[in-house]
Each structure stands twice: as structure tokens, then as C-alpha cells.
């Protein structure tokens, strides 16, 4: 397989570089450089081999190359590490071993007890680069963040999008700085004491620049998913396709020192093999973890509510470490906003939030009105630790997939935003924040694309409008994903931190992060140590974590909440001058407020 390395420019060393590519159904494959094309040799397994001449015309930082397949092309390397001129052009060699790592003291970080901060490189800073994001790490350190999770950074067509239209899974988008900048970013995170989780997409490929079918049967005609043809995981030649995916995953963890992967929409991985791809991946990641001597974490995004994904392999599960729980988001969203259209409908009672907090899933074999069928299966709360569920009151999907990409700050007051923060950071699960929520950012995060092909841009815009029909949102207000203004509006405005309410909310997030580090009850992973009491009519909820209690008033009037703890550790209300009052086994909470007691 292609290692994609080359001699160091300027070193005076001239060596030939072995180049390999898998094309099992091709009659001929030629290696292309700036100097011309030369034939490659096929072996019995469908791999083609040649040497990239050390004397080939080179740039300052590598040699450009590609492949002619049955005289079509040239196409970039499916395992390309760099695409300096875009995904339609030649690949460029890159040596991951050329970076001198500075993180020798980094021993990794386990997910249990940790918190995650999700960000998109292109909109996290005005510059939209990995280097600029590294310059904001002090902000995350002060927030108490343990991991930063990056939306996909692999090669896609155009200058900007969310990252889920990637077509070259081994490359780092050049607009972000390319692979060398990625290594420097990870080094900087580790120096700051922050782990890195990379979001990867293995369930589909983007609509432009996907040349994999020209090389071999990477896609399956048998089954499709939401985005089109499924990846060939269990058909003829599937072994090499699975290897392509797993090698990509291991690359991030090994060559870029990444600490974990977030696996996009694993329910769209159509695999009927006896050993599912996810189980195979978990096994090989565990092998690598033992070799490098640090924890390596796999987090699934799944729409199935199936705890088998995160059940250990020795208990006949897939052996992934954690998965996202949208049920938590929906229950919190409805409790705070009152919005009950579409997929929010089943979460209308406050009891839905109570069930999620104590049972993990709301839909655990219950009827889902949005799906029109029974959904999910129960979590074994006697055995499964609560940290295996990653939760958020906002994330890129739940904001960006709304009609106008509006954050909770567009609907809620500061007190309600504080309640969302408390439920997320003091609740029993692994909390994940979305960039900017910690100060109540008012910038939207909208769906944006930059397809150079006008027809793709039009199809994307029309598709978005169609998706919102069941939610009852006005299609007239949906922004055009191709409009550059949609992208610009989605960038964080760091000057907002000067607002008094923003500074106050940021201080709360920092205080909640401090409680996570100081109170063992907050990171206790046992569901048995979680209890919830609530009053639907009065709009209050009491979350108990061992000897720690979080009393919450969701209503617009002051409420008495029965408590057993007497010491108020932290309180927050919409009115900054309002304070809770404790009196003989109960606490009087101002409107839209909470108090943490011990």
C-alpha cells in the first residue's frame, strides 16, 4: 500500500519511492508525474506497483503524482495524504515521520470523567485554519475541556463545507493548513493537556471528486443509504475496502497522534458480515492502543439507540467505547424551549428528561411517533457506565440541521442557557459542548457548501428544503448553502465575549467545569447513583448524583424545590441579583435558575 513518503527536500538524497494502488478490475494502471506516465505492474491480489523516481520533477515539499486507470484520468491516489491543488488534481507525497513530535510526555486521556468541546476548523476562528485554532487553546484550558473534537478535516471539493462531503479520507483539507499543520495542532493540544478526537466519515462519500469507483468496487449497488450508494463492506472484494477504512482510522491515531475517533452515522454502514466492520475496527484500535501505550477512544454516532455498540466484545458487543445520545438533546431542548414539532414531539413531558437522565435512552423499545414504529432497546443500567453516552444540549447537527441554524441563544434567556449547561456538565453522562455555547454565541451555525458545480449546489439547496417538510419549518427562511454569506455568518464572533451576559455565562461554564474536577459525585459513572424527582405542573426538577443535588426551576415564577442537602455550592439565575433561599429541607429558586447543593 502507498506510504506516501518522499526524501526530505533539499537533503540531497535521491531515492525512488515505492507506490502502490489497489485496482482489481483494471486492465492497466499507469503512474503519472509531471514528467509523464509509466506502466505499473499488477500482482495476484489486484494491487499495482511502481517506483516513483527520485529524479521526478518535484515541488519544494513533495512530488506530485496520480494514476491513469484503463487510460482514464489521471486520478489522485485513493490514499493520498495531500491534495494541494484540490481533490480533482494530482496527489502530493507527504512524509508523516518528518514531523518532530513534542508530546513525548503525553500519556493520553480516558473518556470516563472527561468533557469534550466540538468545533469546526473553518468557523471556529476568523482565519479558519488549524494554526488559528491552536491559538485559542488557552480559552479551552480555562473552560476545563479535556478533549477537542474536530469536525471532519479530510479532503473535499471546494473551499468550505461541514466536512461530511469528503472524498479523500487520508488527506487533510489544504485550506485548513494540510497534514503538517494538523500534526502541529495535535502537538499544541497535547502540550495544553487536551486530547484530540477526530470526526471521520466512512459511511458515504461526497458528490464531487469521488474517483474510488474508477479504481475498484468501493461502493455497493445492492444497498443505499441517506446519501446514495453504500460503501461495499460485505460484497465481492469487500476485504480490501474494509482494509481501506481501517487503515485510514489507524492513520489518524498513529501518524497524527490523535486520541480518539468519532464515527459518523454508523447506522448507515451496511454490513451483514459475521464480524461487523465496527467490531473489527475496535479490535484493531485496541491492538494499536496496547502498542503505543495510551488510551484510544472510539465514539459512534448512531440513530439506533442500541447499546450493543458500546457493549464490550467479551460480552458479545461491538466493543466501541461510547456513542452519542440524541435523546438527551431532545429532552433538554423541549424542556427549555417548549418546541414539540417533528422529532421533538415524544419528548414533551418533563418525565422524558427524567427517564433519559436515569435510563440513558428515552426510546428504549418505545413507540417513536416521528418514525412511526418502535425504536431502540434498553440500556443495562446495572452494568453499563453512564459515561459511555456522550450528550450535548447543542451540537453541529442539532443546530445546523434546523431551518436557519439557530442556536439555543436565539430562543432562551441567560438563565435557561445556564440550566442547559448544568444538565449537560453535571449530569451523569460524558458532556460535549459546541463551540461558542459557553458564552451564548448569537452567531448561527448554518449548513454551508461550496460546490464548484452549479447543479450540485442547486440540488443541495433543494434537498435541504425537502428535509424540513416534516418539521413544519418555513422553507422560505432556509439560507442558500452555496451563498458565501451563509458560511461567513456561521463563523464565531469572539468579540461577543465583551458582552456582560456572555462573560457571566462563560464564568458559569468555567465554574461547572471546576465542579466536575472537584466533586467525585459528578463523574461517578453508576446509574444507580442517579435519581430524579420533578413536578410537571410547577416546572421544577431535582437531579441527585450521590450526595450532590442539582435543583432546577424551569418556570417563569419562583418555586420551592424539596432537597436533602443544605449547602449551596453554586447558583445561577437569569436575574443576576436573584439568589436561592434554603429553608428547612427545601430551596426557593428564582425563575429560570438552578442551584447545586451538597
Foldseek 3Di string as FASTA:
>chain_A
DAPLAADQAPPPDWDWGKDKAAFQPFPWKWKQFPVGTDTWPADPLRMTIDTHGSPTDADRAFTWIAMQTNNDDRAEGLQAAADQPALRGTGTGDHLVVDDFPLPVQQADDLQLFAEAEEEQQFADVLSALVVVLVCVVLVVLLLHAEYEYQAQAGDGFQDFSRQQHQRLNWGHVSRPIDVSLLVSQSSCSVSNHAYEYEGEQFDHHPPSNCVVSRHQQWDPPDADPHGTTGPCADPPNVVSLVSVLVSVVCCCPSSVHQEYEYEACVSHDDPDPQDSLLVSLVVVVVVCVVVNHHYAYEYEYPAQECLCCDCVVVVRSNHPAYEACLLLLLLCCLQQVQQFAQSPVNNFNVSNQCCLLWVHSQAQDARPNVRGRGHHTDPLQPDFQQRYEYENDELCVQALPQLQFDVLVRGFLLSLLVRLCCQLQGQYHYYHYNPSQLSFGQGAYGADAHPDVVVQVVVLVVSLVVCPRRPDDSVNRDRNNPVVNSVSNHTDVVSCPDPSSVVSNVSSSVSSVCSVVPVLSSGRRSVQWHKDDDRVQQWIWIGRNQKIKIFHSAQAKDKDFADFDAWPDKDGSPRPDDWDDDDRIIIDGHSMMTMGD
